[in-house]
Protein backbone atom coordinates (compact mmCIF):
# COMPACT_ATOMS: atom_id res chain seq x y z
CA MET A 1 -67.75 -17.63 40.87
CA SER A 2 -65.28 -15.38 39.07
CA LYS A 3 -65.84 -11.74 38.95
CA GLY A 4 -66.82 -10.28 35.53
CA VAL A 5 -64.07 -8.26 33.81
CA ASN A 6 -64.76 -5.21 31.71
CA TYR A 7 -62.45 -4.97 28.74
CA GLY A 8 -63.63 -1.52 27.78
CA PRO A 9 -61.94 1.89 28.30
CA ASP A 10 -62.94 1.73 32.00
CA ASN A 11 -60.56 -1.19 32.68
CA ALA A 12 -57.72 0.14 30.55
CA SER A 13 -55.08 0.19 33.21
CA ALA A 14 -54.96 -3.68 33.14
CA PHE A 15 -53.74 -3.39 29.55
CA GLU A 16 -51.73 -0.25 29.87
CA LEU A 17 -52.97 1.20 26.61
CA PRO A 18 -52.29 4.87 25.77
CA GLU A 19 -55.14 7.25 26.49
CA GLU A 20 -55.39 8.23 22.76
CA LEU A 21 -56.06 4.65 21.78
CA LEU A 22 -58.50 4.07 24.60
CA GLY A 23 -60.40 7.13 23.45
CA ILE A 24 -61.02 5.65 20.03
CA LEU A 25 -61.79 2.08 21.08
CA PRO A 26 -65.48 1.13 20.93
CA THR A 27 -67.05 0.54 24.35
CA ASP A 28 -69.26 -2.33 23.15
CA PRO A 29 -67.43 -5.69 23.74
CA TYR A 30 -68.79 -7.08 20.36
CA GLU A 31 -67.48 -4.07 18.50
CA GLN A 32 -64.14 -4.49 20.30
CA LEU A 33 -64.08 -8.12 19.13
CA GLU A 34 -64.84 -7.07 15.55
CA LEU A 35 -62.11 -4.54 15.65
CA ALA A 36 -59.72 -7.17 17.05
CA ARG A 37 -60.75 -9.57 14.31
CA ARG A 38 -60.07 -6.89 11.66
CA ILE A 39 -56.68 -6.05 13.13
CA THR A 40 -55.82 -9.81 13.30
CA SER A 41 -56.98 -10.24 9.69
CA LEU A 42 -54.75 -7.35 8.54
CA ALA A 43 -51.78 -8.76 10.48
CA ILE A 44 -52.30 -12.28 9.08
CA GLY A 45 -52.75 -10.84 5.56
CA SER A 46 -49.56 -8.90 5.95
CA ARG A 47 -47.63 -11.96 7.25
CA VAL A 48 -49.08 -14.06 4.36
CA SER A 49 -47.89 -11.49 1.79
CA LYS A 50 -44.47 -11.52 3.24
CA LEU A 51 -44.35 -15.33 3.27
CA GLU A 52 -45.54 -15.39 -0.33
CA VAL A 53 -42.73 -13.01 -1.33
CA GLU A 54 -40.23 -15.10 0.59
CA ALA A 55 -41.64 -18.30 -1.03
CA ALA A 56 -41.25 -16.74 -4.53
CA LYS A 57 -37.60 -15.81 -3.77
CA LEU A 58 -36.97 -19.35 -2.56
CA LYS A 59 -38.58 -20.83 -5.69
CA ILE A 60 -36.24 -18.65 -7.80
CA LYS A 61 -33.22 -19.93 -5.78
CA ILE A 62 -34.51 -23.52 -6.20
CA ASN A 63 -34.73 -23.01 -9.93
CA GLU A 64 -31.14 -21.56 -9.99
CA LYS A 65 -29.82 -24.55 -7.96
CA ASP A 66 -31.80 -26.96 -10.21
CA GLN A 67 -30.09 -25.30 -13.24
CA ILE A 68 -26.68 -25.75 -11.56
CA ILE A 69 -27.47 -29.40 -10.78
CA TYR A 70 -28.56 -30.00 -14.43
CA GLU A 71 -25.32 -28.43 -15.78
CA LEU A 72 -23.20 -30.52 -13.30
CA GLU A 73 -25.11 -33.67 -14.29
CA GLU A 74 -24.41 -32.95 -17.92
CA LYS A 75 -20.72 -32.31 -17.15
CA PHE A 76 -20.63 -35.54 -15.14
CA ASN A 77 -22.20 -37.53 -18.02
CA GLU A 78 -19.74 -36.06 -20.44
CA LEU A 79 -16.82 -36.81 -18.19
CA GLU A 80 -18.17 -40.37 -17.54
CA LYS A 81 -18.28 -40.87 -21.37
CA VAL A 82 -14.73 -39.65 -21.74
CA LEU A 83 -13.65 -41.95 -18.84
CA ASN A 84 -15.32 -44.94 -20.51
CA GLU A 85 -13.69 -44.18 -23.86
CA THR A 86 -10.30 -43.76 -22.14
CA ASP A 87 -10.80 -47.00 -20.23
CA GLU A 88 -11.69 -48.81 -23.50
CA ARG A 89 -8.57 -47.41 -25.17
CA LEU A 90 -6.42 -48.36 -22.16
CA SER A 91 -7.86 -51.95 -22.21
CA HIS A 92 -7.15 -52.15 -25.97
CA SER A 93 -3.56 -50.87 -25.45
CA LEU A 94 -2.96 -53.40 -22.61
CA GLU A 95 -4.18 -56.24 -24.82
CA GLU A 96 -1.93 -54.94 -27.64
CA GLN A 97 0.96 -54.69 -25.19
CA ALA A 98 0.44 -58.26 -24.01
CA LYS A 99 0.26 -59.50 -27.58
CA LEU A 100 3.42 -57.60 -28.51
CA ASN A 101 5.19 -58.91 -25.34
CA HIS A 102 4.24 -62.46 -26.39
CA ASP A 103 5.44 -61.79 -29.96
CA LYS A 104 8.70 -60.41 -28.48
CA SER A 105 9.23 -63.45 -26.41
CA VAL A 106 8.59 -65.73 -29.41
CA LEU A 107 10.97 -63.69 -31.55
CA ALA A 108 13.63 -63.70 -28.79
CA ALA A 109 13.34 -67.51 -28.50
CA THR A 110 13.65 -67.78 -32.25
CA VAL A 111 16.70 -65.51 -32.32
CA LYS A 112 18.34 -67.66 -29.58
CA LYS A 113 17.58 -70.82 -31.56
CA LEU A 114 18.98 -69.39 -34.77
CA ASN A 115 22.12 -68.09 -32.95
CA ARG A 116 22.73 -71.55 -31.61
CA GLU A 117 22.25 -73.06 -35.06
CA VAL A 118 24.62 -70.49 -36.55
CA THR A 119 27.31 -71.12 -33.90
CA LYS A 120 27.19 -74.90 -34.33
CA PRO A 121 30.11 -76.37 -36.28
């Protein structure tokens, strides 16, 4: 069987704790465990507090990024609207240009016809 290990001040060399600390540690193992639990609880509480502060900072950054995203989406929507309006005007202009080109062709044909009639004897 394994040999029992004393974790009290008598076996301090295994842990290499300073003498000042060994002098204030309780000798009862259950008291040592209670002290360890309290120290662990304080350490965890401190870490949780730091994490909560970090989480709050990250939430602020997320809100800032969300605001930037919202503004960019608004700008995108506005630009998309302008693009659609411009595209519509371009389509209308192209239709008008096609119509004018057709009218020009018809007029050119009419002018040719009239010039031929005028030049006939």
